[in-house]
Structure formats: structure tokens, C-alpha cells
Amino acid sequence: MLLALDTATAQVAVALYDGTDVVAEERSEQSMKHGEHLAPMIATVLAAAHATVADITAIGVGVGPGPFTGLRVGLVTARTLGMVLGVPVHGVCTLDVLAAEAVARGAVVGDFLVATDARRKEVYLAAYDATGARLSGPEVIRPVDAASTLPTAGEGATLYPDSFPNAVYPFRPSAGWLARLVAAGTVPLLDPEPLYLRRPDAVASAGPKKVS
């Protein structure tokens, strides 16, 4: 079974894929509770599918772009499980997951954008063609500098409607779609390393200053 998880946005998403389709999926209702919610949600989807951790044969994880803390929780969990279980861990750009679902659900025709919340009044942005193939990005940018009338999936479009007036579903990434994409191999599979696009807010101190 393929376990899929994404912590690149304010909500945690987890799903389990049995080789044919998604058999269990969860998304947290509360925001910014990645550390508290991820492990219980993994246990919930396993229980819903009458499976155990030992049944996991591969892991898919969203690598962002996203905030430092949320990404770290998901990627550390995925890599740790992969190491303990001896199974492969595949990273996927979170914006690619949103794009693939938008295409599959018929929410877009022709070129479109995906924009997610980067905080600080900015968005993570990428452009896609009608098939969901990425044309450019991802990048972090101010909405006013990326303003477009193209259809735009992702939460960024709902947060900044003046810049992205043609918001389309989905707005948040689905772990179920992440699992389907990893299983099908229809998106670039990446190393499970974080795609931050920004330096972390908290940085290590340079050390004590010399006393003259």
C-alpha cells in the first residue's frame, strides 16, 4: 500500500492507496497543527483500510513549496517511516498535485495557474498547460506582481481575488490525488527534500561575539 501525506499548507492531508485506488483519506480541520495531527491521521487511514504500518510498501510526500515548519514535519515523518520500513519515499511538488486534480476534474481548459498561500502577503505560483504539465515556477511572488485573468487553482486565488479573479477548484492539495499521481508516475518524482523558496525565519546564531 502507498501512504501519501502533505503538510505544505496550513492543513494536513493523508491518504492510503491500495494499488487500485484511494481507500482512505483524511484532511485536518484545524490549521497549523501539523505536529499534533499527522501521526493520528496516519493511524486513522490505516485503521479505516484495515491495514497496519507493515502493509506500507511506498510513501509519497508533498515537498512544497511551503512554510519551513509544516514541510519539516511531513518530510521528517515520511523519511523516518521509509527508513524504518525499508520502503521508497517519493517527493512531489505540491503545486503539481493541485494542477493535476484541476485538469482531471475539468476545472480548467487551456493554460492556467496554481497559487498557494506563502504568507507575508505573497503566494507560491506556478504556470501549467492544459495537460497539467508545469510551464514555469514555482516561485514566491507578490499577488499584485503575478496578477492574471487565467484560471487559478489553489488557496492563493481565494485569498487575493483582485489579482486572481478566476479562481477554480481545488483550493487545497489532496493526499488522495498525490497518491494517485505517485502510483501512476504521471508527475516528476523528486527526492523527499523540502522546496522552501525562502530561507527559514529562524536561523542559527553565528556564535558569541569576541570580547575585545
C-alpha atoms as a PDB file:
ATOM      1  CA  MET A   1       0.000   0.000   0.000  1.00  0.00           C
ATOM      2  CA  LEU A   2       1.103   3.548  -0.743  1.00  0.00           C
ATOM      3  CA  LEU A   3       0.877   6.070   2.078  1.00  0.00           C
ATOM      4  CA  ALA A   4       0.609   9.681   0.900  1.00  0.00           C
ATOM      5  CA  LEU A   5       0.865  12.819   3.004  1.00  0.00           C
ATOM      6  CA  ASP A   6       1.185  16.562   2.511  1.00  0.00           C
ATOM      7  CA  THR A   7       1.970  19.210   5.125  1.00  0.00           C
ATOM      8  CA  ALA A   8       2.907  22.057   2.778  1.00  0.00           C
ATOM      9  CA  THR A   9      -0.199  24.108   3.575  1.00  0.00           C
ATOM     10  CA  ALA A  10      -1.965  25.070   6.777  1.00  0.00           C
ATOM     11  CA  GLN A  11      -3.863  21.755   6.805  1.00  0.00           C
ATOM     12  CA  VAL A  12      -2.501  18.213   6.977  1.00  0.00           C
ATOM     13  CA  ALA A  13      -3.628  15.728   4.306  1.00  0.00           C
ATOM     14  CA  VAL A  14      -3.122  11.944   4.473  1.00  0.00           C
ATOM     15  CA  ALA A  15      -4.339   9.108   2.240  1.00  0.00           C
ATOM     16  CA  LEU A  16      -3.814   5.414   1.609  1.00  0.00           C
ATOM     17  CA  TYR A  17      -3.772   3.846  -1.881  1.00  0.00           C
ATOM     18  CA  ASP A  18      -4.159   0.080  -2.233  1.00  0.00           C
ATOM     19  CA  GLY A  19      -2.761  -0.355  -5.730  1.00  0.00           C
ATOM     20  CA  THR A  20      -6.105   0.279  -7.413  1.00  0.00           C
ATOM     21  CA  ASP A  21      -7.443   3.461  -5.848  1.00  0.00           C
ATOM     22  CA  VAL A  22      -7.556   5.538  -2.672  1.00  0.00           C
ATOM     23  CA  VAL A  23      -9.154   3.523   0.129  1.00  0.00           C
ATOM     24  CA  ALA A  24      -8.921   6.079   2.933  1.00  0.00           C
ATOM     25  CA  GLU A  25      -8.289   9.816   3.090  1.00  0.00           C
ATOM     26  CA  GLU A  26      -8.206  12.456   5.823  1.00  0.00           C
ATOM     27  CA  ARG A  27      -7.655  16.221   5.961  1.00  0.00           C
ATOM     28  CA  SER A  28      -7.280  18.169   9.199  1.00  0.00           C
ATOM     29  CA  GLU A  29      -9.928  20.752  10.008  1.00  0.00           C
ATOM     30  CA  GLN A  30      -7.682  22.876  12.228  1.00  0.00           C
ATOM     31  CA  SER A  31      -4.844  24.923  10.789  1.00  0.00           C
ATOM     32  CA  MET A  32      -1.208  24.954  11.848  1.00  0.00           C
ATOM     33  CA  LYS A  33      -1.394  21.729  13.890  1.00  0.00           C
ATOM     34  CA  HIS A  34       0.926  19.612  11.764  1.00  0.00           C
ATOM     35  CA  GLY A  35       2.869  18.015  14.607  1.00  0.00           C
ATOM     36  CA  GLU A  36      -0.241  17.177  16.593  1.00  0.00           C
ATOM     37  CA  HIS A  37      -2.346  15.853  13.720  1.00  0.00           C
ATOM     38  CA  LEU A  38      -0.081  13.945  11.339  1.00  0.00           C
ATOM     39  CA  ALA A  39       0.620  10.759  13.326  1.00  0.00           C
ATOM     40  CA  PRO A  40      -3.021  10.289  14.475  1.00  0.00           C
ATOM     41  CA  MET A  41      -4.236  10.847  10.908  1.00  0.00           C
ATOM     42  CA  ILE A  42      -1.854   8.209   9.576  1.00  0.00           C
ATOM     43  CA  ALA A  43      -3.223   5.807  12.186  1.00  0.00           C
ATOM     44  CA  THR A  44      -6.786   6.733  11.188  1.00  0.00           C
ATOM     45  CA  VAL A  45      -6.359   5.994   7.469  1.00  0.00           C
ATOM     46  CA  LEU A  46      -4.597   2.718   8.220  1.00  0.00           C
ATOM     47  CA  ALA A  47      -7.406   1.661  10.547  1.00  0.00           C
ATOM     48  CA  ALA A  48     -10.057   2.693   8.006  1.00  0.00           C
ATOM     49  CA  ALA A  49      -8.414   0.407   5.441  1.00  0.00           C
ATOM     50  CA  HIS A  50      -7.913  -2.406   7.988  1.00  0.00           C
ATOM     51  CA  ALA A  51      -4.180  -2.098   7.389  1.00  0.00           C
ATOM     52  CA  THR A  52      -1.099  -1.718   9.555  1.00  0.00           C
ATOM     53  CA  VAL A  53       2.173   0.132   9.156  1.00  0.00           C
ATOM     54  CA  ALA A  54       3.708  -3.131   7.989  1.00  0.00           C
ATOM     55  CA  ASP A  55       1.427  -3.036   4.922  1.00  0.00           C
ATOM     56  CA  ILE A  56       3.010   0.188   3.632  1.00  0.00           C
ATOM     57  CA  THR A  57       5.167  -0.526   0.578  1.00  0.00           C
ATOM     58  CA  ALA A  58       5.901   3.050  -0.534  1.00  0.00           C
ATOM     59  CA  ILE A  59       5.407   6.615   0.645  1.00  0.00           C
ATOM     60  CA  GLY A  60       4.545   9.761  -1.303  1.00  0.00           C
ATOM     61  CA  VAL A  61       5.049  13.159   0.270  1.00  0.00           C
ATOM     62  CA  GLY A  62       4.421  16.730  -0.811  1.00  0.00           C
ATOM     63  CA  VAL A  63       7.690  18.670  -0.845  1.00  0.00           C
ATOM     64  CA  GLY A  64       6.103  22.110  -1.120  1.00  0.00           C
ATOM     65  CA  PRO A  65       6.769  24.869  -1.688  1.00  0.00           C
ATOM     66  CA  GLY A  66       5.517  25.716   1.756  1.00  0.00           C
ATOM     67  CA  PRO A  67       6.431  27.128   5.148  1.00  0.00           C
ATOM     68  CA  PHE A  68       9.502  25.700   6.864  1.00  0.00           C
ATOM     69  CA  THR A  69       7.816  24.213   9.937  1.00  0.00           C
ATOM     70  CA  GLY A  70       4.974  22.415   8.171  1.00  0.00           C
ATOM     71  CA  LEU A  71       7.182  20.931   5.484  1.00  0.00           C
ATOM     72  CA  ARG A  72       9.679  19.717   8.044  1.00  0.00           C
ATOM     73  CA  VAL A  73       7.009  17.763   9.941  1.00  0.00           C
ATOM     74  CA  GLY A  74       5.802  15.915   6.859  1.00  0.00           C
ATOM     75  CA  LEU A  75       9.178  15.231   5.312  1.00  0.00           C
ATOM     76  CA  VAL A  76      10.824  14.048   8.523  1.00  0.00           C
ATOM     77  CA  THR A  77       7.884  11.727   9.149  1.00  0.00           C
ATOM     78  CA  ALA A  78       7.989  10.341   5.591  1.00  0.00           C
ATOM     79  CA  ARG A  79      11.748   9.815   5.603  1.00  0.00           C
ATOM     80  CA  THR A  80      11.711   8.218   9.048  1.00  0.00           C
ATOM     81  CA  LEU A  81       8.927   5.809   8.110  1.00  0.00           C
ATOM     82  CA  GLY A  82      10.686   4.992   4.868  1.00  0.00           C
ATOM     83  CA  MET A  83      13.919   4.208   6.667  1.00  0.00           C
ATOM     84  CA  VAL A  84      12.267   2.098   9.386  1.00  0.00           C
ATOM     85  CA  LEU A  85      10.108   0.159   6.930  1.00  0.00           C
ATOM     86  CA  GLY A  86      12.737  -0.059   4.204  1.00  0.00           C
ATOM     87  CA  VAL A  87      10.380   1.349   1.561  1.00  0.00           C
ATOM     88  CA  PRO A  88      10.923   4.072  -1.084  1.00  0.00           C
ATOM     89  CA  VAL A  89       9.882   7.665  -0.386  1.00  0.00           C
ATOM     90  CA  HIS A  90       8.857   9.797  -3.365  1.00  0.00           C
ATOM     91  CA  GLY A  91       8.539  13.580  -3.249  1.00  0.00           C
ATOM     92  CA  VAL A  92       6.048  15.521  -5.361  1.00  0.00           C
ATOM     93  CA  CYS A  93       5.710  19.276  -5.825  1.00  0.00           C
ATOM     94  CA  THR A  94       2.517  20.244  -4.008  1.00  0.00           C
ATOM     95  CA  LEU A  95       1.521  22.678  -6.758  1.00  0.00           C
ATOM     96  CA  ASP A  96       1.736  19.837  -9.295  1.00  0.00           C
ATOM     97  CA  VAL A  97      -0.803  17.884  -7.247  1.00  0.00           C
ATOM     98  CA  LEU A  98      -3.261  20.792  -7.325  1.00  0.00           C
ATOM     99  CA  ALA A  99      -2.701  21.196 -11.072  1.00  0.00           C
ATOM    100  CA  ALA A 100      -3.288  17.522 -11.821  1.00  0.00           C
ATOM    101  CA  GLU A 101      -6.546  17.474  -9.882  1.00  0.00           C
ATOM    102  CA  ALA A 102      -7.760  20.655 -11.608  1.00  0.00           C
ATOM    103  CA  VAL A 103      -7.180  19.038 -15.011  1.00  0.00           C
ATOM    104  CA  ALA A 104      -8.679  15.687 -14.038  1.00  0.00           C
ATOM    105  CA  ARG A 105     -11.849  17.313 -12.702  1.00  0.00           C
ATOM    106  CA  GLY A 106     -12.263  19.504 -15.774  1.00  0.00           C
ATOM    107  CA  ALA A 107     -11.879  22.718 -13.789  1.00  0.00           C
ATOM    108  CA  VAL A 108      -9.520  24.186 -16.408  1.00  0.00           C
ATOM    109  CA  VAL A 109      -9.264  24.325 -20.190  1.00  0.00           C
ATOM    110  CA  GLY A 110      -6.034  25.634 -21.639  1.00  0.00           C
ATOM    111  CA  ASP A 111      -3.211  27.259 -19.695  1.00  0.00           C
ATOM    112  CA  PHE A 112      -3.769  28.009 -16.008  1.00  0.00           C
ATOM    113  CA  LEU A 113      -2.031  28.919 -12.756  1.00  0.00           C
ATOM    114  CA  VAL A 114      -1.719  27.406  -9.305  1.00  0.00           C
ATOM    115  CA  ALA A 115      -1.215  29.776  -6.372  1.00  0.00           C
ATOM    116  CA  THR A 116      -0.928  28.794  -2.712  1.00  0.00           C
ATOM    117  CA  ASP A 117      -0.516  30.924   0.384  1.00  0.00           C
ATOM    118  CA  ALA A 118       3.104  31.854   1.079  1.00  0.00           C
ATOM    119  CA  ARG A 119       2.157  34.240   3.910  1.00  0.00           C
ATOM    120  CA  ARG A 120       3.752  37.687   4.175  1.00  0.00           C
ATOM    121  CA  LYS A 121       1.183  38.781   1.564  1.00  0.00           C
ATOM    122  CA  GLU A 122       2.826  36.567  -1.074  1.00  0.00           C
ATOM    123  CA  VAL A 123       1.934  33.400  -2.971  1.00  0.00           C
ATOM    124  CA  TYR A 124       3.743  30.362  -4.286  1.00  0.00           C
ATOM    125  CA  LEU A 125       2.994  30.371  -8.003  1.00  0.00           C
ATOM    126  CA  ALA A 126       3.449  28.052 -10.990  1.00  0.00           C
ATOM    127  CA  ALA A 127       2.026  28.028 -14.506  1.00  0.00           C
ATOM    128  CA  TYR A 128       0.681  24.928 -16.297  1.00  0.00           C
ATOM    129  CA  ASP A 129      -0.572  23.917 -19.718  1.00  0.00           C
ATOM    130  CA  ALA A 130      -3.871  22.195 -20.469  1.00  0.00           C
ATOM    131  CA  THR A 131      -2.433  18.764 -19.631  1.00  0.00           C
ATOM    132  CA  GLY A 132      -1.152  19.837 -16.210  1.00  0.00           C
ATOM    133  CA  ALA A 133       2.494  19.972 -17.285  1.00  0.00           C
ATOM    134  CA  ARG A 134       4.361  22.740 -15.490  1.00  0.00           C
ATOM    135  CA  LEU A 135       5.445  25.604 -17.744  1.00  0.00           C
ATOM    136  CA  SER A 136       7.207  27.766 -15.163  1.00  0.00           C
ATOM    137  CA  GLY A 137       7.779  28.102 -11.434  1.00  0.00           C
ATOM    138  CA  PRO A 138       7.322  27.504  -8.672  1.00  0.00           C
ATOM    139  CA  GLU A 139       8.289  30.910  -7.350  1.00  0.00           C
ATOM    140  CA  VAL A 140       7.353  33.112  -4.432  1.00  0.00           C
ATOM    141  CA  ILE A 141       5.855  36.406  -5.560  1.00  0.00           C
ATOM    142  CA  ARG A 142       3.506  39.201  -4.524  1.00  0.00           C
ATOM    143  CA  PRO A 143      -0.006  38.671  -5.923  1.00  0.00           C
ATOM    144  CA  VAL A 144      -0.054  42.127  -7.484  1.00  0.00           C
ATOM    145  CA  ASP A 145       3.095  41.252  -9.439  1.00  0.00           C
ATOM    146  CA  ALA A 146       1.576  37.988 -10.663  1.00  0.00           C
ATOM    147  CA  ALA A 147      -1.934  39.272 -11.392  1.00  0.00           C
ATOM    148  CA  SER A 148      -3.633  37.265 -14.140  1.00  0.00           C
ATOM    149  CA  THR A 149      -7.053  36.521 -15.555  1.00  0.00           C
ATOM    150  CA  LEU A 150      -6.044  32.904 -16.219  1.00  0.00           C
ATOM    151  CA  PRO A 151      -7.961  30.284 -14.231  1.00  0.00           C
ATOM    152  CA  THR A 152      -6.119  29.855 -10.921  1.00  0.00           C
ATOM    153  CA  ALA A 153      -6.334  26.855  -8.611  1.00  0.00           C
ATOM    154  CA  GLY A 154      -5.123  26.899  -5.041  1.00  0.00           C
ATOM    155  CA  GLU A 155      -5.916  28.923  -1.958  1.00  0.00           C
ATOM    156  CA  GLY A 156      -3.927  31.909  -3.215  1.00  0.00           C
ATOM    157  CA  ALA A 157      -6.710  32.707  -5.679  1.00  0.00           C
ATOM    158  CA  THR A 158      -9.302  32.897  -2.915  1.00  0.00           C
ATOM    159  CA  LEU A 159      -7.054  34.994  -0.689  1.00  0.00           C
ATOM    160  CA  TYR A 160      -6.246  37.538  -3.416  1.00  0.00           C
ATOM    161  CA  PRO A 161      -9.278  37.733  -5.722  1.00  0.00           C
ATOM    162  CA  ASP A 162      -8.253  41.127  -7.092  1.00  0.00           C
ATOM    163  CA  SER A 163      -5.103  39.580  -8.545  1.00  0.00           C
ATOM    164  CA  PHE A 164      -6.616  36.188  -9.454  1.00  0.00           C
ATOM    165  CA  PRO A 165     -10.288  36.823 -10.307  1.00  0.00           C
ATOM    166  CA  ASN A 166     -10.865  33.422 -11.941  1.00  0.00           C
ATOM    167  CA  ALA A 167     -10.428  31.039  -9.017  1.00  0.00           C
ATOM    168  CA  VAL A 168     -11.067  27.344  -9.765  1.00  0.00           C
ATOM    169  CA  TYR A 169     -11.160  24.174  -7.682  1.00  0.00           C
ATOM    170  CA  PRO A 170      -9.194  22.634  -5.973  1.00  0.00           C
ATOM    171  CA  PHE A 171      -8.077  25.120  -3.341  1.00  0.00           C
ATOM    172  CA  ARG A 172      -6.123  22.747  -1.094  1.00  0.00           C
ATOM    173  CA  PRO A 173      -3.946  19.768  -2.028  1.00  0.00           C
ATOM    174  CA  SER A 174      -5.423  16.289  -1.751  1.00  0.00           C
ATOM    175  CA  ALA A 175      -3.292  13.449  -0.425  1.00  0.00           C
ATOM    176  CA  GLY A 176      -5.504  11.110  -2.415  1.00  0.00           C
ATOM    177  CA  TRP A 177      -4.511  12.794  -5.651  1.00  0.00           C
ATOM    178  CA  LEU A 178      -0.890  12.828  -4.553  1.00  0.00           C
ATOM    179  CA  ALA A 179      -1.101   9.053  -4.076  1.00  0.00           C
ATOM    180  CA  ARG A 180      -2.694   8.514  -7.499  1.00  0.00           C
ATOM    181  CA  LEU A 181      -0.002  10.580  -9.196  1.00  0.00           C
ATOM    182  CA  VAL A 182       2.858   8.760  -7.487  1.00  0.00           C
ATOM    183  CA  ALA A 183       1.316   5.390  -8.347  1.00  0.00           C
ATOM    184  CA  ALA A 184       0.803   6.380 -11.981  1.00  0.00           C
ATOM    185  CA  GLY A 185       4.156   8.149 -12.313  1.00  0.00           C
ATOM    186  CA  THR A 186       2.486  10.982 -14.211  1.00  0.00           C
ATOM    187  CA  VAL A 187       4.289  13.808 -12.387  1.00  0.00           C
ATOM    188  CA  PRO A 188       8.015  14.290 -11.757  1.00  0.00           C
ATOM    189  CA  LEU A 189       9.023  12.253  -8.707  1.00  0.00           C
ATOM    190  CA  LEU A 190      11.522  14.119  -6.556  1.00  0.00           C
ATOM    191  CA  ASP A 191      13.818  13.373  -3.664  1.00  0.00           C
ATOM    192  CA  PRO A 192      11.991  13.922  -0.358  1.00  0.00           C
ATOM    193  CA  GLU A 193      13.696  17.243   0.260  1.00  0.00           C
ATOM    194  CA  PRO A 194      11.878  20.472   1.152  1.00  0.00           C
ATOM    195  CA  LEU A 195      11.158  23.047  -1.522  1.00  0.00           C
ATOM    196  CA  TYR A 196      11.216  26.185   0.630  1.00  0.00           C
ATOM    197  CA  LEU A 197      11.926  29.008  -1.875  1.00  0.00           C
ATOM    198  CA  ARG A 198      12.716  31.112   1.186  1.00  0.00           C
ATOM    199  CA  ARG A 199      15.255  30.981   3.944  1.00  0.00           C
ATOM    200  CA  PRO A 200      13.733  29.825   7.250  1.00  0.00           C
ATOM    201  CA  ASP A 201      12.656  32.641   9.574  1.00  0.00           C
ATOM    202  CA  ALA A 202      14.711  31.165  12.388  1.00  0.00           C
ATOM    203  CA  VAL A 203      18.404  30.822  11.637  1.00  0.00           C
ATOM    204  CA  ALA A 204      21.266  29.561  13.754  1.00  0.00           C
ATOM    205  CA  SER A 205      23.245  32.138  15.626  1.00  0.00           C
ATOM    206  CA  ALA A 206      26.673  32.973  14.276  1.00  0.00           C
ATOM    207  CA  GLY A 207      28.019  32.347  17.764  1.00  0.00           C
ATOM    208  CA  PRO A 208      29.149  34.628  20.559  1.00  0.00           C
ATOM    209  CA  LYS A 209      30.988  37.759  19.628  1.00  0.00           C
ATOM    210  CA  LYS A 210      34.605  38.030  20.581  1.00  0.00           C
ATOM    211  CA  VAL A 211      35.302  40.151  23.590  1.00  0.00           C
ATOM    212  CA  SER A 212      37.857  42.800  22.732  1.00  0.00           C
END
